Amino acid sequence: MTVNYNEPITFGRGGNATKLNCAGISFTEDEGRSWTLAPVAELDVQLPFARRDVMLEVEASPFLVPDILTAQNVFVFLGGLFVGYYTLTGHTVRSFPINRGLVSGRTMRLTLVMPAATSPHALGLGEDLRQLGIYLTSITFKTAP
């Protein structure tokens, strides 16, 4: 599926991310958001050839446990190349510049790495065995109008 610029990739059961080849993301939630299920979450995205530089915008909330897990570090890669890093301590929207030369019109893998992803079960907080990292709301590839 081709991803259009300035149109968000949405999550949750009804989100359009379900049409992408994804790994490490749960699509069982009804709220229009999705948990990452492992320390690595990946989406295959095909973007049209870029005529200008692109911004990657990620809107998400971290899985946190007071006094135990106070932040989620997120490393972002596109096509195997490092794009950026950020620390999530609450719901946030982060943007990263992408050189237009990286966008070739071919399918690329967007990878989010969260080394601190952990399961509530491992922390003694319930039976959920998923290794939660971030709760994705949207991912948007933006270009200037």
N, C-alpha and C. Protein backbone atom coordinates (compact mmCIF):
# COMPACT_ATOMS: atom_id res chain seq x y z
N MET A 1 0.84 -1.17 0.00
CA MET A 1 0.00 0.00 0.00
C MET A 1 0.89 1.24 0.00
N THR A 2 0.60 2.16 -0.88
CA THR A 2 1.34 3.42 -0.92
C THR A 2 0.84 4.33 0.19
N VAL A 3 1.77 4.93 0.89
CA VAL A 3 1.45 5.88 1.95
C VAL A 3 1.58 7.27 1.35
N ASN A 4 0.55 8.08 1.47
CA ASN A 4 0.58 9.43 0.92
C ASN A 4 1.15 10.42 1.93
N TYR A 5 1.82 11.43 1.41
CA TYR A 5 2.34 12.48 2.27
C TYR A 5 1.19 13.25 2.89
N ASN A 6 1.41 13.71 4.13
CA ASN A 6 0.47 14.54 4.87
C ASN A 6 -0.84 13.83 5.21
N GLU A 7 -0.89 12.51 5.06
CA GLU A 7 -2.03 11.71 5.49
C GLU A 7 -1.54 10.72 6.54
N PRO A 8 -2.09 10.77 7.75
CA PRO A 8 -1.56 9.93 8.82
C PRO A 8 -1.80 8.44 8.61
N ILE A 9 -0.83 7.66 9.05
CA ILE A 9 -1.03 6.22 9.22
C ILE A 9 -1.68 6.09 10.59
N THR A 10 -2.86 5.50 10.64
CA THR A 10 -3.61 5.41 11.89
C THR A 10 -3.57 3.98 12.42
N PHE A 11 -3.86 3.85 13.70
CA PHE A 11 -3.70 2.57 14.37
C PHE A 11 -5.00 2.12 15.02
N GLY A 12 -4.93 1.05 15.78
CA GLY A 12 -6.12 0.45 16.37
C GLY A 12 -6.77 -0.50 15.37
N ARG A 13 -7.83 -1.13 15.80
CA ARG A 13 -8.52 -2.13 14.99
C ARG A 13 -8.97 -1.57 13.64
N GLY A 14 -9.43 -0.33 13.61
CA GLY A 14 -9.92 0.27 12.37
C GLY A 14 -8.91 1.13 11.64
N GLY A 15 -7.68 1.14 12.08
CA GLY A 15 -6.67 2.01 11.47
C GLY A 15 -6.18 1.49 10.14
N ASN A 16 -5.65 2.41 9.32
CA ASN A 16 -5.14 1.99 8.02
C ASN A 16 -3.80 1.27 8.09
N ALA A 17 -3.14 1.28 9.25
CA ALA A 17 -1.88 0.54 9.40
C ALA A 17 -2.10 -0.96 9.28
N THR A 18 -3.33 -1.42 9.48
CA THR A 18 -3.62 -2.85 9.34
C THR A 18 -3.39 -3.33 7.90
N LYS A 19 -3.36 -2.41 6.94
CA LYS A 19 -3.15 -2.76 5.53
C LYS A 19 -1.67 -2.80 5.17
N LEU A 20 -0.82 -2.37 6.09
CA LEU A 20 0.62 -2.39 5.86
C LEU A 20 1.20 -3.69 6.41
N ASN A 21 2.34 -4.08 5.90
CA ASN A 21 3.05 -5.23 6.46
C ASN A 21 3.72 -4.76 7.75
N CYS A 22 3.19 -5.19 8.89
CA CYS A 22 3.68 -4.74 10.20
C CYS A 22 4.13 -5.92 11.05
N ALA A 23 5.06 -5.66 11.94
CA ALA A 23 5.49 -6.64 12.92
C ALA A 23 5.67 -5.92 14.25
N GLY A 24 5.29 -6.59 15.34
CA GLY A 24 5.48 -6.03 16.67
C GLY A 24 4.48 -4.97 17.05
N ILE A 25 3.30 -4.96 16.39
CA ILE A 25 2.25 -3.98 16.69
C ILE A 25 0.93 -4.72 16.85
N SER A 26 0.18 -4.40 17.90
CA SER A 26 -1.12 -5.02 18.16
C SER A 26 -2.23 -4.17 17.55
N PHE A 27 -3.15 -4.82 16.86
CA PHE A 27 -4.29 -4.11 16.28
C PHE A 27 -5.60 -4.53 16.94
N THR A 28 -5.54 -4.86 18.22
CA THR A 28 -6.74 -5.34 18.93
C THR A 28 -7.49 -4.22 19.65
N GLU A 29 -6.89 -3.06 19.80
CA GLU A 29 -7.53 -1.98 20.55
C GLU A 29 -8.56 -1.26 19.69
N ASP A 30 -9.64 -0.82 20.32
CA ASP A 30 -10.71 -0.11 19.62
C ASP A 30 -10.56 1.40 19.65
N GLU A 31 -9.67 1.94 20.46
CA GLU A 31 -9.59 3.39 20.67
C GLU A 31 -8.85 4.14 19.57
N GLY A 32 -8.48 3.49 18.49
CA GLY A 32 -7.73 4.18 17.45
C GLY A 32 -6.25 4.30 17.76
N ARG A 33 -5.77 3.43 18.64
CA ARG A 33 -4.36 3.41 19.02
C ARG A 33 -3.91 1.96 19.10
N SER A 34 -2.60 1.75 19.02
CA SER A 34 -2.05 0.39 19.07
C SER A 34 -0.80 0.34 19.92
N TRP A 35 -0.70 -0.69 20.74
CA TRP A 35 0.53 -0.94 21.50
C TRP A 35 1.56 -1.61 20.62
N THR A 36 2.83 -1.25 20.83
CA THR A 36 3.90 -2.06 20.27
C THR A 36 4.04 -3.26 21.21
N LEU A 37 4.34 -4.42 20.64
CA LEU A 37 4.32 -5.68 21.40
C LEU A 37 5.68 -6.25 21.73
N ALA A 38 6.73 -5.57 21.32
CA ALA A 38 8.08 -6.11 21.46
C ALA A 38 9.06 -4.93 21.46
N PRO A 39 10.31 -5.18 21.75
CA PRO A 39 11.29 -4.09 21.72
C PRO A 39 11.51 -3.50 20.32
N VAL A 40 11.05 -4.21 19.28
CA VAL A 40 11.17 -3.71 17.91
C VAL A 40 9.81 -3.79 17.24
N ALA A 41 9.36 -2.67 16.66
CA ALA A 41 8.12 -2.62 15.88
C ALA A 41 8.49 -2.13 14.48
N GLU A 42 7.89 -2.77 13.46
CA GLU A 42 8.26 -2.43 12.09
C GLU A 42 7.03 -2.30 11.21
N LEU A 43 7.12 -1.37 10.24
CA LEU A 43 6.08 -1.18 9.24
C LEU A 43 6.76 -1.03 7.89
N ASP A 44 6.24 -1.68 6.87
CA ASP A 44 6.72 -1.46 5.52
C ASP A 44 5.90 -0.33 4.92
N VAL A 45 6.58 0.71 4.46
CA VAL A 45 5.90 1.87 3.88
C VAL A 45 6.46 2.13 2.49
N GLN A 46 5.57 2.46 1.58
CA GLN A 46 5.98 2.86 0.23
C GLN A 46 5.53 4.29 0.05
N LEU A 47 6.49 5.18 -0.08
CA LEU A 47 6.22 6.60 -0.26
C LEU A 47 6.49 6.99 -1.70
N PRO A 48 5.71 7.90 -2.26
CA PRO A 48 6.03 8.41 -3.60
C PRO A 48 7.39 9.10 -3.58
N PHE A 49 8.01 9.18 -4.75
CA PHE A 49 9.27 9.89 -4.88
C PHE A 49 9.12 11.28 -4.27
N ALA A 50 10.09 11.70 -3.46
CA ALA A 50 10.00 12.99 -2.77
C ALA A 50 10.67 14.10 -3.59
N ARG A 51 9.95 15.18 -3.79
CA ARG A 51 10.50 16.34 -4.50
C ARG A 51 11.10 17.35 -3.53
N ARG A 52 10.77 17.21 -2.25
CA ARG A 52 11.35 18.06 -1.20
C ARG A 52 11.65 17.18 0.02
N ASP A 53 12.36 17.75 0.95
CA ASP A 53 12.65 17.00 2.16
C ASP A 53 11.36 16.67 2.90
N VAL A 54 11.42 15.62 3.70
CA VAL A 54 10.25 15.05 4.36
C VAL A 54 10.47 15.11 5.87
N MET A 55 9.38 15.28 6.60
CA MET A 55 9.40 15.17 8.06
C MET A 55 8.61 13.93 8.44
N LEU A 56 9.17 13.13 9.32
CA LEU A 56 8.47 11.98 9.89
C LEU A 56 7.94 12.41 11.24
N GLU A 57 6.63 12.29 11.43
CA GLU A 57 5.99 12.70 12.68
C GLU A 57 5.38 11.47 13.35
N VAL A 58 5.76 11.23 14.60
CA VAL A 58 5.25 10.10 15.38
C VAL A 58 4.49 10.64 16.58
N GLU A 59 3.22 10.23 16.72
CA GLU A 59 2.42 10.60 17.89
C GLU A 59 2.20 9.34 18.71
N ALA A 60 2.63 9.37 19.97
CA ALA A 60 2.56 8.17 20.81
C ALA A 60 2.64 8.51 22.29
N SER A 61 2.28 7.53 23.09
CA SER A 61 2.42 7.59 24.55
C SER A 61 3.24 6.40 25.00
N PRO A 62 4.03 6.54 26.05
CA PRO A 62 4.87 5.44 26.51
C PRO A 62 4.15 4.53 27.51
N PHE A 63 4.60 3.27 27.58
CA PHE A 63 4.19 2.39 28.66
C PHE A 63 5.10 2.71 29.84
N LEU A 64 4.51 3.22 30.91
CA LEU A 64 5.28 3.63 32.09
C LEU A 64 4.69 2.99 33.34
N VAL A 65 5.52 2.80 34.34
CA VAL A 65 5.10 2.33 35.65
C VAL A 65 5.80 3.23 36.67
N PRO A 66 5.05 3.99 37.46
CA PRO A 66 5.67 4.92 38.40
C PRO A 66 6.73 4.24 39.27
N ASP A 67 7.86 4.92 39.41
CA ASP A 67 9.00 4.49 40.23
C ASP A 67 9.70 3.24 39.71
N ILE A 68 9.23 2.66 38.59
CA ILE A 68 9.89 1.48 38.02
C ILE A 68 10.36 1.75 36.61
N LEU A 69 9.44 2.20 35.78
CA LEU A 69 9.73 2.49 34.37
C LEU A 69 9.23 3.91 34.10
N THR A 70 10.14 4.87 34.10
CA THR A 70 9.74 6.28 34.05
C THR A 70 9.84 6.90 32.66
N ALA A 71 10.37 6.17 31.68
CA ALA A 71 10.48 6.69 30.32
C ALA A 71 10.69 5.53 29.35
N GLN A 72 10.36 5.78 28.11
CA GLN A 72 10.68 4.85 27.02
C GLN A 72 11.57 5.57 26.04
N ASN A 73 12.75 5.01 25.79
CA ASN A 73 13.64 5.54 24.76
C ASN A 73 13.25 4.90 23.43
N VAL A 74 13.17 5.71 22.39
CA VAL A 74 12.74 5.23 21.07
C VAL A 74 13.80 5.62 20.04
N PHE A 75 14.31 4.63 19.33
CA PHE A 75 15.24 4.84 18.23
C PHE A 75 14.47 4.61 16.94
N VAL A 76 14.61 5.52 15.98
CA VAL A 76 13.83 5.46 14.74
C VAL A 76 14.77 5.25 13.56
N PHE A 77 14.44 4.25 12.72
CA PHE A 77 15.21 3.93 11.53
C PHE A 77 14.27 3.88 10.33
N LEU A 78 14.74 4.32 9.18
CA LEU A 78 13.97 4.20 7.94
C LEU A 78 14.89 3.63 6.87
N GLY A 79 14.49 2.52 6.31
CA GLY A 79 15.33 1.87 5.30
C GLY A 79 16.68 1.45 5.86
N GLY A 80 16.72 1.14 7.15
CA GLY A 80 17.95 0.71 7.81
C GLY A 80 18.85 1.85 8.26
N LEU A 81 18.49 3.09 7.94
CA LEU A 81 19.30 4.24 8.33
C LEU A 81 18.71 4.93 9.55
N PHE A 82 19.58 5.33 10.46
CA PHE A 82 19.15 6.01 11.68
C PHE A 82 18.53 7.37 11.33
N VAL A 83 17.32 7.61 11.84
CA VAL A 83 16.60 8.86 11.58
C VAL A 83 16.59 9.74 12.83
N GLY A 84 16.44 9.12 14.01
CA GLY A 84 16.38 9.93 15.21
C GLY A 84 16.17 9.11 16.46
N TYR A 85 16.19 9.82 17.57
CA TYR A 85 16.06 9.22 18.90
C TYR A 85 15.27 10.19 19.75
N TYR A 86 14.42 9.66 20.61
CA TYR A 86 13.74 10.51 21.58
C TYR A 86 13.36 9.71 22.81
N THR A 87 13.14 10.43 23.90
CA THR A 87 12.72 9.83 25.15
C THR A 87 11.28 10.26 25.41
N LEU A 88 10.41 9.29 25.61
CA LEU A 88 9.00 9.55 25.87
C LEU A 88 8.72 9.42 27.36
N THR A 89 8.19 10.48 27.95
CA THR A 89 7.78 10.43 29.35
C THR A 89 6.28 10.70 29.48
N GLY A 90 5.63 10.96 28.36
CA GLY A 90 4.19 11.23 28.31
C GLY A 90 3.77 11.31 26.87
N HIS A 91 2.46 11.52 26.66
CA HIS A 91 1.95 11.61 25.29
C HIS A 91 2.64 12.77 24.58
N THR A 92 3.15 12.49 23.38
CA THR A 92 3.92 13.50 22.67
C THR A 92 3.86 13.29 21.17
N VAL A 93 4.13 14.33 20.43
CA VAL A 93 4.31 14.28 18.97
C VAL A 93 5.74 14.70 18.70
N ARG A 94 6.50 13.84 18.03
CA ARG A 94 7.90 14.15 17.71
C ARG A 94 8.09 14.10 16.20
N SER A 95 8.91 15.01 15.69
CA SER A 95 9.19 15.07 14.26
C SER A 95 10.68 14.89 14.00
N PHE A 96 10.98 14.24 12.87
CA PHE A 96 12.36 13.97 12.48
C PHE A 96 12.52 14.31 11.00
N PRO A 97 13.56 15.05 10.63
CA PRO A 97 13.78 15.35 9.22
C PRO A 97 14.32 14.12 8.48
N ILE A 98 13.86 13.96 7.25
CA ILE A 98 14.34 12.88 6.39
C ILE A 98 14.78 13.52 5.07
N ASN A 99 16.00 13.25 4.68
CA ASN A 99 16.49 13.77 3.42
C ASN A 99 15.71 13.14 2.28
N ARG A 100 15.28 13.95 1.32
CA ARG A 100 14.46 13.43 0.22
C ARG A 100 15.17 12.36 -0.59
N GLY A 101 16.50 12.35 -0.58
CA GLY A 101 17.26 11.33 -1.30
C GLY A 101 17.04 9.94 -0.75
N LEU A 102 16.59 9.84 0.49
CA LEU A 102 16.32 8.54 1.10
C LEU A 102 15.03 7.92 0.57
N VAL A 103 14.12 8.76 0.09
CA VAL A 103 12.81 8.29 -0.36
C VAL A 103 12.89 8.03 -1.87
N SER A 104 12.82 6.75 -2.24
CA SER A 104 13.05 6.36 -3.63
C SER A 104 11.79 5.93 -4.37
N GLY A 105 10.66 5.87 -3.67
CA GLY A 105 9.45 5.36 -4.30
C GLY A 105 9.28 3.86 -4.09
N ARG A 106 10.27 3.23 -3.54
CA ARG A 106 10.19 1.79 -3.24
C ARG A 106 9.77 1.58 -1.79
N THR A 107 9.34 0.37 -1.50
CA THR A 107 8.95 0.04 -0.13
C THR A 107 10.17 0.08 0.78
N MET A 108 10.01 0.75 1.91
CA MET A 108 11.07 0.84 2.92
C MET A 108 10.50 0.39 4.26
N ARG A 109 11.37 -0.06 5.13
CA ARG A 109 10.95 -0.49 6.45
C ARG A 109 11.19 0.64 7.46
N LEU A 110 10.11 1.03 8.15
CA LEU A 110 10.21 1.97 9.26
C LEU A 110 10.32 1.12 10.53
N THR A 111 11.38 1.33 11.28
CA THR A 111 11.64 0.53 12.48
C THR A 111 11.70 1.43 13.71
N LEU A 112 10.95 1.05 14.74
CA LEU A 112 10.98 1.72 16.03
C LEU A 112 11.57 0.74 17.03
N VAL A 113 12.65 1.13 17.68
CA VAL A 113 13.32 0.26 18.65
C VAL A 113 13.15 0.87 20.04
N MET A 114 12.58 0.07 20.96
CA MET A 114 12.33 0.51 22.34
C MET A 114 12.98 -0.49 23.29
N PRO A 115 14.23 -0.27 23.66
CA PRO A 115 14.95 -1.25 24.48
C PRO A 115 14.31 -1.53 25.83
N ALA A 116 13.54 -0.59 26.37
CA ALA A 116 12.94 -0.77 27.70
C ALA A 116 11.54 -1.38 27.65
N ALA A 117 11.09 -1.81 26.46
CA ALA A 117 9.76 -2.45 26.38
C ALA A 117 9.73 -3.66 27.31
N THR A 118 8.65 -3.78 28.04
CA THR A 118 8.54 -4.88 29.00
C THR A 118 7.08 -5.25 29.18
N SER A 119 6.85 -6.43 29.70
CA SER A 119 5.47 -6.87 29.89
C SER A 119 4.98 -6.52 31.30
N PRO A 120 3.71 -6.18 31.42
CA PRO A 120 3.14 -5.98 32.76
C PRO A 120 3.34 -7.22 33.64
N HIS A 121 3.27 -8.40 33.04
CA HIS A 121 3.45 -9.65 33.80
C HIS A 121 4.85 -9.71 34.43
N ALA A 122 5.86 -9.32 33.66
CA ALA A 122 7.24 -9.34 34.18
C ALA A 122 7.43 -8.39 35.36
N LEU A 123 6.58 -7.38 35.43
CA LEU A 123 6.67 -6.41 36.52
C LEU A 123 5.70 -6.73 37.65
N GLY A 124 5.01 -7.87 37.56
CA GLY A 124 4.06 -8.28 38.59
C GLY A 124 2.78 -7.47 38.57
N LEU A 125 2.41 -6.95 37.40
CA LEU A 125 1.24 -6.06 37.30
C LEU A 125 0.06 -6.70 36.57
N GLY A 126 0.07 -7.99 36.39
CA GLY A 126 -1.04 -8.64 35.71
C GLY A 126 -0.56 -9.78 34.84
N GLU A 127 -1.46 -10.26 34.02
CA GLU A 127 -1.17 -11.44 33.19
C GLU A 127 -0.76 -11.08 31.76
N ASP A 128 -0.75 -9.82 31.40
CA ASP A 128 -0.42 -9.41 30.03
C ASP A 128 1.05 -9.71 29.74
N LEU A 129 1.30 -10.59 28.78
CA LEU A 129 2.67 -11.00 28.45
C LEU A 129 3.29 -10.16 27.34
N ARG A 130 2.50 -9.25 26.73
CA ARG A 130 3.04 -8.42 25.65
C ARG A 130 4.12 -7.50 26.20
N GLN A 131 5.19 -7.33 25.45
CA GLN A 131 6.27 -6.41 25.84
C GLN A 131 5.89 -5.02 25.32
N LEU A 132 5.23 -4.26 26.17
CA LEU A 132 4.71 -2.96 25.76
C LEU A 132 5.82 -1.91 25.75
N GLY A 133 5.81 -1.12 24.69
CA GLY A 133 6.78 -0.03 24.56
C GLY A 133 6.06 1.29 24.46
N ILE A 134 5.41 1.51 23.31
CA ILE A 134 4.66 2.76 23.11
C ILE A 134 3.27 2.47 22.57
N TYR A 135 2.36 3.38 22.82
CA TYR A 135 0.97 3.31 22.39
C TYR A 135 0.83 4.29 21.22
N LEU A 136 0.87 3.75 20.00
CA LEU A 136 0.90 4.58 18.80
C LEU A 136 -0.47 5.16 18.47
N THR A 137 -0.51 6.45 18.19
CA THR A 137 -1.71 7.12 17.72
C THR A 137 -1.65 7.30 16.21
N SER A 138 -0.53 7.86 15.72
CA SER A 138 -0.38 8.05 14.28
C SER A 138 1.09 8.23 13.92
N ILE A 139 1.36 7.97 12.65
CA ILE A 139 2.67 8.25 12.05
C ILE A 139 2.36 8.94 10.73
N THR A 140 2.99 10.10 10.51
CA THR A 140 2.72 10.86 9.30
C THR A 140 4.04 11.27 8.65
N PHE A 141 4.12 11.07 7.34
CA PHE A 141 5.23 11.59 6.56
C PHE A 141 4.76 12.90 5.94
N LYS A 142 5.38 14.00 6.32
CA LYS A 142 4.91 15.32 5.89
C LYS A 142 5.89 15.98 4.94
N THR A 143 5.30 16.73 4.01
CA THR A 143 6.10 17.59 3.14
C THR A 143 5.51 18.99 3.23
N ALA A 144 6.31 19.98 2.86
CA ALA A 144 5.81 21.36 2.87
C ALA A 144 4.81 21.51 1.71
N PRO A 145 3.76 22.28 1.91
CA PRO A 145 2.77 22.46 0.82
C PRO A 145 3.35 23.19 -0.38
